[in-house]
């Protein structure tokens, strides 16, 4: 199976699907494009799920909701996947107790996919992260470039849909 775009045949299901992708940002231009790509690729990847990631400002009532992530860099750097675990050296000293508290409180609130089910929990996590970042800059990322945001993650197309 091809891994990189350059290894794809110039025609067929793979190339047709990748032609649906917007320029170079690996996003689909529409939900319909995502569904068509899923249709073309599902024979090769039977468990493929295409998701929509969008900044959330309130709780979603969508039946396709997988959960809420908290990320920076326009959704690319998930704090739930890497921001709840710190090396032992960072857990030493006064900051260590706070980081352990954040991990102990929020880690069990994640669902089986590692996301929050509840928007209010995600919102509270953002407030806590911002407070720690305010007093101890660079805990997560450089000040000014770090803007944690709640994102809703929804299924657009899957073999089970």
Foldseek 3Di string as FASTA:
>chain_A
DDDDPVPDDCDALVNQLVVQAPDPPRHGPDLVSVASNCVSCCVVVVFDWDKDKDFDDADDPDPQWPAKFKAFPRPPGTCLVPVLDDDPVCLPDDVNVVSVVLNVPCQVQADPVSHHRHPVSLVVNQVSVVVVCVVPPPPPHHPPRGRITMIIMGTSDGSVD
